[in-house]
Structures are given as structure tokens and as C-alpha cells.
PDB file of N, CA and C in Angstrom:
ATOM      1  N   MET A   1       0.812  -1.184   0.000  1.00  0.00           N
ATOM      2  CA  MET A   1       0.000   0.000   0.000  1.00  0.00           C
ATOM      3  C   MET A   1       0.859   1.253   0.000  1.00  0.00           C
ATOM      4  N   SER A   2       1.989   1.210   0.602  1.00  0.00           N
ATOM      5  CA  SER A   2       2.833   2.391   0.640  1.00  0.00           C
ATOM      6  C   SER A   2       3.304   2.761  -0.762  1.00  0.00           C
ATOM      7  N   SER A   3       3.485   1.758  -1.651  1.00  0.00           N
ATOM      8  CA  SER A   3       3.909   2.071  -3.008  1.00  0.00           C
ATOM      9  C   SER A   3       2.805   2.791  -3.770  1.00  0.00           C
ATOM     10  N   SER A   4       1.555   2.448  -3.509  1.00  0.00           N
ATOM     11  CA  SER A   4       0.465   3.133  -4.205  1.00  0.00           C
ATOM     12  C   SER A   4       0.320   4.560  -3.675  1.00  0.00           C
ATOM     13  N   ASN A   5       0.603   4.768  -2.360  1.00  0.00           N
ATOM     14  CA  ASN A   5       0.542   6.123  -1.815  1.00  0.00           C
ATOM     15  C   ASN A   5       1.633   6.992  -2.440  1.00  0.00           C
ATOM     16  N   GLY A   6       2.831   6.431  -2.599  1.00  0.00           N
ATOM     17  CA  GLY A   6       3.911   7.163  -3.233  1.00  0.00           C
ATOM     18  C   GLY A   6       3.588   7.460  -4.688  1.00  0.00           C
ATOM     19  N   HIS A   7       2.980   6.502  -5.334  1.00  0.00           N
ATOM     20  CA  HIS A   7       2.593   6.678  -6.731  1.00  0.00           C
ATOM     21  C   HIS A   7       1.523   7.756  -6.856  1.00  0.00           C
ATOM     22  N   ASP A   8       0.557   7.770  -5.935  1.00  0.00           N
ATOM     23  CA  ASP A   8      -0.511   8.765  -5.962  1.00  0.00           C
ATOM     24  C   ASP A   8       0.048  10.166  -5.733  1.00  0.00           C
ATOM     25  N   SER A   9       0.958  10.298  -4.782  1.00  0.00           N
ATOM     26  CA  SER A   9       1.492  11.627  -4.494  1.00  0.00           C
ATOM     27  C   SER A   9       2.353  12.129  -5.651  1.00  0.00           C
ATOM     28  N   SER A  10       3.119  11.237  -6.303  1.00  0.00           N
ATOM     29  CA  SER A  10       3.912  11.683  -7.446  1.00  0.00           C
ATOM     30  C   SER A  10       2.999  12.040  -8.618  1.00  0.00           C
ATOM     31  N   MET A  11       1.906  11.328  -8.772  1.00  0.00           N
ATOM     32  CA  MET A  11       0.946  11.632  -9.834  1.00  0.00           C
ATOM     33  C   MET A  11       0.279  12.977  -9.555  1.00  0.00           C
ATOM     34  N   GLN A  12      -0.050  13.234  -8.298  1.00  0.00           N
ATOM     35  CA  GLN A  12      -0.656  14.510  -7.933  1.00  0.00           C
ATOM     36  C   GLN A  12       0.334  15.655  -8.173  1.00  0.00           C
ATOM     37  N   ALA A  13       1.589  15.422  -7.834  1.00  0.00           N
ATOM     38  CA  ALA A  13       2.614  16.438  -8.063  1.00  0.00           C
ATOM     39  C   ALA A  13       2.774  16.704  -9.561  1.00  0.00           C
ATOM     40  N   LEU A  14       2.743  15.643 -10.345  1.00  0.00           N
ATOM     41  CA  LEU A  14       2.843  15.778 -11.796  1.00  0.00           C
ATOM     42  C   LEU A  14       1.655  16.560 -12.347  1.00  0.00           C
ATOM     43  N   LEU A  15       0.466  16.231 -11.877  1.00  0.00           N
ATOM     44  CA  LEU A  15      -0.728  16.948 -12.327  1.00  0.00           C
ATOM     45  C   LEU A  15      -0.683  18.416 -11.912  1.00  0.00           C
ATOM     46  N   ALA A  16      -0.202  18.689 -10.699  1.00  0.00           N
ATOM     47  CA  ALA A  16      -0.098  20.070 -10.228  1.00  0.00           C
ATOM     48  C   ALA A  16       0.909  20.841 -11.081  1.00  0.00           C
ATOM     49  N   ALA A  17       2.039  20.216 -11.421  1.00  0.00           N
ATOM     50  CA  ALA A  17       3.038  20.866 -12.266  1.00  0.00           C
ATOM     51  C   ALA A  17       2.493  21.112 -13.659  1.00  0.00           C
ATOM     52  N   LEU A  18       1.753  20.156 -14.188  1.00  0.00           N
ATOM     53  CA  LEU A  18       1.156  20.301 -15.505  1.00  0.00           C
ATOM     54  C   LEU A  18       0.127  21.419 -15.513  1.00  0.00           C
ATOM     55  N   GLU A  19      -0.668  21.488 -14.479  1.00  0.00           N
ATOM     56  CA  GLU A  19      -1.678  22.543 -14.388  1.00  0.00           C
ATOM     57  C   GLU A  19      -1.015  23.907 -14.265  1.00  0.00           C
ATOM     58  N   ALA A  20       0.056  24.006 -13.480  1.00  0.00           N
ATOM     59  CA  ALA A  20       0.768  25.274 -13.332  1.00  0.00           C
ATOM     60  C   ALA A  20       1.384  25.708 -14.652  1.00  0.00           C
ATOM     61  N   ALA A  21       1.900  24.741 -15.399  1.00  0.00           N
ATOM     62  CA  ALA A  21       2.536  25.068 -16.677  1.00  0.00           C
ATOM     63  C   ALA A  21       1.515  25.520 -17.711  1.00  0.00           C
ATOM     64  N   THR A  22       0.322  24.981 -17.655  1.00  0.00           N
ATOM     65  CA  THR A  22      -0.682  25.314 -18.659  1.00  0.00           C
ATOM     66  C   THR A  22      -1.605  26.443 -18.214  1.00  0.00           C
ATOM     67  N   SER A  23      -1.466  26.932 -16.995  1.00  0.00           N
ATOM     68  CA  SER A  23      -2.372  27.982 -16.533  1.00  0.00           C
ATOM     69  C   SER A  23      -1.990  29.347 -17.088  1.00  0.00           C
ATOM     70  N   GLY A  24      -0.756  29.539 -17.567  1.00  0.00           N
ATOM     71  CA  GLY A  24      -0.328  30.803 -18.154  1.00  0.00           C
ATOM     72  C   GLY A  24      -0.844  30.939 -19.567  1.00  0.00           C
ATOM     73  N   PRO A  25      -0.474  32.031 -20.224  1.00  0.00           N
ATOM     74  CA  PRO A  25      -0.922  32.223 -21.608  1.00  0.00           C
ATOM     75  C   PRO A  25      -0.309  31.179 -22.533  1.00  0.00           C
ATOM     76  N   SER A  26      -1.058  30.795 -23.508  1.00  0.00           N
ATOM     77  CA  SER A  26      -0.571  29.801 -24.466  1.00  0.00           C
ATOM     78  C   SER A  26       0.505  30.437 -25.342  1.00  0.00           C
ATOM     79  N   PRO A  27       1.346  29.632 -25.954  1.00  0.00           N
ATOM     80  CA  PRO A  27       2.365  30.203 -26.848  1.00  0.00           C
ATOM     81  C   PRO A  27       1.749  31.049 -27.959  1.00  0.00           C
ATOM     82  N   ALA A  28       0.612  30.636 -28.462  1.00  0.00           N
ATOM     83  CA  ALA A  28      -0.051  31.424 -29.502  1.00  0.00           C
ATOM     84  C   ALA A  28      -0.462  32.789 -28.968  1.00  0.00           C
ATOM     85  N   ASP A  29      -0.950  32.827 -27.726  1.00  0.00           N
ATOM     86  CA  ASP A  29      -1.350  34.105 -27.134  1.00  0.00           C
ATOM     87  C   ASP A  29      -0.142  34.978 -26.831  1.00  0.00           C
ATOM     88  N   ARG A  30       0.952  34.364 -26.382  1.00  0.00           N
ATOM     89  CA  ARG A  30       2.148  35.151 -26.066  1.00  0.00           C
ATOM     90  C   ARG A  30       2.745  35.796 -27.309  1.00  0.00           C
ATOM     91  N   PHE A  31       2.671  35.123 -28.427  1.00  0.00           N
ATOM     92  CA  PHE A  31       3.284  35.635 -29.632  1.00  0.00           C
ATOM     93  C   PHE A  31       2.273  36.190 -30.620  1.00  0.00           C
ATOM     94  N   ASN A  32       1.053  36.413 -30.158  1.00  0.00           N
ATOM     95  CA  ASN A  32       0.018  36.977 -31.012  1.00  0.00           C
ATOM     96  C   ASN A  32       0.368  38.433 -31.282  1.00  0.00           C
ATOM     97  N   ILE A  33       0.440  38.787 -32.537  1.00  0.00           N
ATOM     98  CA  ILE A  33       0.812  40.138 -32.927  1.00  0.00           C
ATOM     99  C   ILE A  33      -0.452  40.899 -33.285  1.00  0.00           C
ATOM    100  N   ASP A  34      -0.514  42.122 -32.801  1.00  0.00           N
ATOM    101  CA  ASP A  34      -1.637  42.980 -33.151  1.00  0.00           C
ATOM    102  C   ASP A  34      -1.500  43.357 -34.616  1.00  0.00           C
ATOM    103  N   ARG A  35      -2.350  42.810 -35.452  1.00  0.00           N
ATOM    104  CA  ARG A  35      -2.240  43.016 -36.896  1.00  0.00           C
ATOM    105  C   ARG A  35      -2.652  44.430 -37.302  1.00  0.00           C
ATOM    106  N   GLU A  36      -3.493  45.083 -36.519  1.00  0.00           N
ATOM    107  CA  GLU A  36      -3.926  46.427 -36.877  1.00  0.00           C
ATOM    108  C   GLU A  36      -2.887  47.472 -36.501  1.00  0.00           C
ATOM    109  N   GLY A  37      -2.068  47.198 -35.513  1.00  0.00           N
ATOM    110  CA  GLY A  37      -1.087  48.168 -35.048  1.00  0.00           C
ATOM    111  C   GLY A  37      -0.154  48.636 -36.146  1.00  0.00           C
ATOM    112  N   PRO A  38       0.508  47.731 -36.867  1.00  0.00           N
ATOM    113  CA  PRO A  38       1.408  48.178 -37.933  1.00  0.00           C
ATOM    114  C   PRO A  38       0.685  48.947 -39.041  1.00  0.00           C
ATOM    115  N   ALA A  39      -0.529  48.557 -39.365  1.00  0.00           N
ATOM    116  CA  ALA A  39      -1.279  49.261 -40.411  1.00  0.00           C
ATOM    117  C   ALA A  39      -1.602  50.686 -39.971  1.00  0.00           C
ATOM    118  N   LYS A  40      -1.993  50.843 -38.706  1.00  0.00           N
ATOM    119  CA  LYS A  40      -2.290  52.183 -38.185  1.00  0.00           C
ATOM    120  C   LYS A  40      -1.036  53.042 -38.175  1.00  0.00           C
ATOM    121  N   ARG A  41       0.091  52.458 -37.769  1.00  0.00           N
ATOM    122  CA  ARG A  41       1.348  53.212 -37.758  1.00  0.00           C
ATOM    123  C   ARG A  41       1.763  53.596 -39.167  1.00  0.00           C
ATOM    124  N   ALA A  42       1.526  52.718 -40.131  1.00  0.00           N
ATOM    125  CA  ALA A  42       1.877  53.017 -41.517  1.00  0.00           C
ATOM    126  C   ALA A  42       1.072  54.205 -42.031  1.00  0.00           C
ATOM    127  N   VAL A  43      -0.213  54.263 -41.673  1.00  0.00           N
ATOM    128  CA  VAL A  43      -1.055  55.381 -42.102  1.00  0.00           C
ATOM    129  C   VAL A  43      -0.555  56.678 -41.462  1.00  0.00           C
ATOM    130  N   LYS A  44      -0.220  56.634 -40.175  1.00  0.00           N
ATOM    131  CA  LYS A  44       0.292  57.827 -39.495  1.00  0.00           C
ATOM    132  C   LYS A  44       1.621  58.268 -40.089  1.00  0.00           C
ATOM    133  N   LEU A  45       2.494  57.302 -40.383  1.00  0.00           N
ATOM    134  CA  LEU A  45       3.788  57.649 -40.972  1.00  0.00           C
ATOM    135  C   LEU A  45       3.624  58.264 -42.355  1.00  0.00           C
ATOM    136  N   LYS A  46       2.682  57.760 -43.139  1.00  0.00           N
ATOM    137  CA  LYS A  46       2.421  58.315 -44.473  1.00  0.00           C
ATOM    138  C   LYS A  46       1.930  59.750 -44.351  1.00  0.00           C
ATOM    139  N   ALA A  47       1.037  60.012 -43.390  1.00  0.00           N
ATOM    140  CA  ALA A  47       0.531  61.364 -43.177  1.00  0.00           C
ATOM    141  C   ALA A  47       1.664  62.294 -42.736  1.00  0.00           C
ATOM    142  N   LEU A  48       2.527  61.819 -41.847  1.00  0.00           N
ATOM    143  CA  LEU A  48       3.668  62.632 -41.423  1.00  0.00           C
ATOM    144  C   LEU A  48       4.618  62.901 -42.586  1.00  0.00           C
ATOM    145  N   GLN A  49       4.831  61.899 -43.421  1.00  0.00           N
ATOM    146  CA  GLN A  49       5.703  62.079 -44.576  1.00  0.00           C
ATOM    147  C   GLN A  49       5.157  63.172 -45.498  1.00  0.00           C
ATOM    148  N   GLN A  50       3.855  63.163 -45.748  1.00  0.00           N
ATOM    149  CA  GLN A  50       3.240  64.183 -46.588  1.00  0.00           C
ATOM    150  C   GLN A  50       3.350  65.558 -45.956  1.00  0.00           C
ATOM    151  N   ARG A  51       3.150  65.615 -44.642  1.00  0.00           N
ATOM    152  CA  ARG A  51       3.249  66.894 -43.931  1.00  0.00           C
ATOM    153  C   ARG A  51       4.676  67.447 -44.013  1.00  0.00           C
ATOM    154  N   PHE A  52       5.660  66.592 -43.785  1.00  0.00           N
ATOM    155  CA  PHE A  52       7.048  67.040 -43.860  1.00  0.00           C
ATOM    156  C   PHE A  52       7.425  67.449 -45.275  1.00  0.00           C
ATOM    157  N   GLN A  53       6.877  66.769 -46.271  1.00  0.00           N
ATOM    158  CA  GLN A  53       7.146  67.123 -47.658  1.00  0.00           C
ATOM    159  C   GLN A  53       6.607  68.524 -47.949  1.00  0.00           C
ATOM    160  N   LYS A  54       5.391  68.830 -47.464  1.00  0.00           N
ATOM    161  CA  LYS A  54       4.821  70.165 -47.662  1.00  0.00           C
ATOM    162  C   LYS A  54       5.660  71.219 -46.945  1.00  0.00           C
ATOM    163  N   LEU A  55       6.096  70.905 -45.715  1.00  0.00           N
ATOM    164  CA  LEU A  55       6.941  71.852 -44.983  1.00  0.00           C
ATOM    165  C   LEU A  55       8.266  72.081 -45.703  1.00  0.00           C
ATOM    166  N   ASN A  56       8.833  71.031 -46.248  1.00  0.00           N
ATOM    167  CA  ASN A  56      10.085  71.145 -46.981  1.00  0.00           C
ATOM    168  C   ASN A  56       9.906  72.014 -48.229  1.00  0.00           C
ATOM    169  N   GLU A  57       8.802  71.813 -48.936  1.00  0.00           N
ATOM    170  CA  GLU A  57       8.524  72.640 -50.111  1.00  0.00           C
ATOM    171  C   GLU A  57       8.345  74.102 -49.706  1.00  0.00           C
ATOM    172  N   TYR A  58       7.643  74.352 -48.614  1.00  0.00           N
ATOM    173  CA  TYR A  58       7.454  75.717 -48.129  1.00  0.00           C
ATOM    174  C   TYR A  58       8.796  76.354 -47.780  1.00  0.00           C
ATOM    175  N   CYS A  59       9.659  75.613 -47.094  1.00  0.00           N
ATOM    176  CA  CYS A  59      10.975  76.143 -46.727  1.00  0.00           C
ATOM    177  C   CYS A  59      11.819  76.430 -47.966  1.00  0.00           C
ATOM    178  N   ASP A  60      11.745  75.550 -48.954  1.00  0.00           N
ATOM    179  CA  ASP A  60      12.481  75.780 -50.206  1.00  0.00           C
ATOM    180  C   ASP A  60      11.997  77.051 -50.895  1.00  0.00           C
ATOM    181  N   GLU A  61      10.673  77.247 -50.939  1.00  0.00           N
ATOM    182  CA  GLU A  61      10.112  78.445 -51.562  1.00  0.00           C
ATOM    183  C   GLU A  61      10.516  79.692 -50.782  1.00  0.00           C
ATOM    184  N   ALA A  62      10.441  79.636 -49.464  1.00  0.00           N
ATOM    185  CA  ALA A  62      10.814  80.787 -48.642  1.00  0.00           C
ATOM    186  C   ALA A  62      12.290  81.122 -48.820  1.00  0.00           C
ATOM    187  N   ALA A  63      13.148  80.104 -48.855  1.00  0.00           N
ATOM    188  CA  ALA A  63      14.579  80.346 -49.057  1.00  0.00           C
ATOM    189  C   ALA A  63      14.834  80.950 -50.440  1.00  0.00           C
ATOM    190  N   ALA A  64      14.116  80.488 -51.456  1.00  0.00           N
ATOM    191  CA  ALA A  64      14.276  81.039 -52.805  1.00  0.00           C
ATOM    192  C   ALA A  64      13.845  82.504 -52.846  1.00  0.00           C
ATOM    193  N   GLU A  65      12.749  82.831 -52.168  1.00  0.00           N
ATOM    194  CA  GLU A  65      12.280  84.222 -52.122  1.00  0.00           C
ATOM    195  C   GLU A  65      13.293  85.104 -51.396  1.00  0.00           C
ATOM    196  N   ILE A  66      13.865  84.613 -50.310  1.00  0.00           N
ATOM    197  CA  ILE A  66      14.860  85.390 -49.565  1.00  0.00           C
ATOM    198  C   ILE A  66      16.098  85.626 -50.435  1.00  0.00           C
ATOM    199  N   ARG A  67      16.553  84.584 -51.116  1.00  0.00           N
ATOM    200  CA  ARG A  67      17.713  84.740 -52.011  1.00  0.00           C
ATOM    201  C   ARG A  67      17.428  85.768 -53.106  1.00  0.00           C
ATOM    202  N   ALA A  68      16.226  85.670 -53.686  1.00  0.00           N
ATOM    203  CA  ALA A  68      15.861  86.605 -54.754  1.00  0.00           C
ATOM    204  C   ALA A  68      15.801  88.031 -54.224  1.00  0.00           C
ATOM    205  N   SER A  69      15.254  88.213 -53.039  1.00  0.00           N
ATOM    206  CA  SER A  69      15.163  89.568 -52.479  1.00  0.00           C
ATOM    207  C   SER A  69      16.539  90.101 -52.133  1.00  0.00           C
ATOM    208  N   LEU A  70      17.465  89.263 -51.711  1.00  0.00           N
ATOM    209  CA  LEU A  70      18.816  89.703 -51.414  1.00  0.00           C
ATOM    210  C   LEU A  70      19.565  90.093 -52.698  1.00  0.00           C
ATOM    211  N   GLU A  71      19.281  89.399 -53.779  1.00  0.00           N
ATOM    212  CA  GLU A  71      19.915  89.735 -55.048  1.00  0.00           C
ATOM    213  C   GLU A  71      19.389  91.050 -55.619  1.00  0.00           C
ATOM    214  N   ARG A  72      18.115  91.374 -55.337  1.00  0.00           N
ATOM    215  CA  ARG A  72      17.517  92.615 -55.833  1.00  0.00           C
ATOM    216  C   ARG A  72      17.894  93.801 -54.986  1.00  0.00           C
ATOM    217  N   ALA A  73      18.234  93.585 -53.742  1.00  0.00           N
ATOM    218  CA  ALA A  73      18.515  94.697 -52.826  1.00  0.00           C
ATOM    219  C   ALA A  73      19.774  95.432 -53.275  1.00  0.00           C
ATOM    220  N   PRO A  74      19.689  96.777 -53.246  1.00  0.00           N
ATOM    221  CA  PRO A  74      20.886  97.540 -53.623  1.00  0.00           C
ATOM    222  C   PRO A  74      21.977  97.407 -52.558  1.00  0.00           C
ATOM    223  N   PRO A  75      23.220  97.342 -52.967  1.00  0.00           N
ATOM    224  CA  PRO A  75      24.300  97.246 -51.984  1.00  0.00           C
ATOM    225  C   PRO A  75      24.399  98.514 -51.160  1.00  0.00           C
ATOM    226  N   ARG A  76      24.778  98.437 -49.933  1.00  0.00           N
ATOM    227  CA  ARG A  76      24.868  99.609 -49.043  1.00  0.00           C
ATOM    228  C   ARG A  76      26.239 100.164 -49.008  1.00  0.00           C
TER     229      ARG A  76
END
């Protein structure tokens, strides 16, 4: 009978270890990637790229106007 008690306790320990190991998130859940996140970031990055392009064009135009006005100004 003592051998069956030892067997039962080791089986219970094994079951407890198995339950503890499986009680956390599954590997699929741990490595689940938010598929919408990258798409949303891509849209935001595209909008920022367009905004920076417009700002760059504005700065280029302003610099060209300043250069032109300096060339027209009479020397002092």
C-alpha cells in the first residue's frame, strides 16, 4: 500500500506541475501580434511624410524668395 501512496502523491505532483505550466498564456497568445497596429502606424507615418514634404517645399520656396530679395537689394 505504501507504493500506491507514493505513486498517488507523485501523480498529484505531476498533475499540479502540468496545471501550473498550462495555466499561463498559451504560446499562440504570447506571440500573437496585433495586426492592426502596424497598419495604423503606416497610415500615421504616411501622413507625417506628406506633412514634412509640404513643410520642406514651403521652406524651399521661402529660401528662394529670400535669395531673390537679397539679389535685388541695392548694396549699401
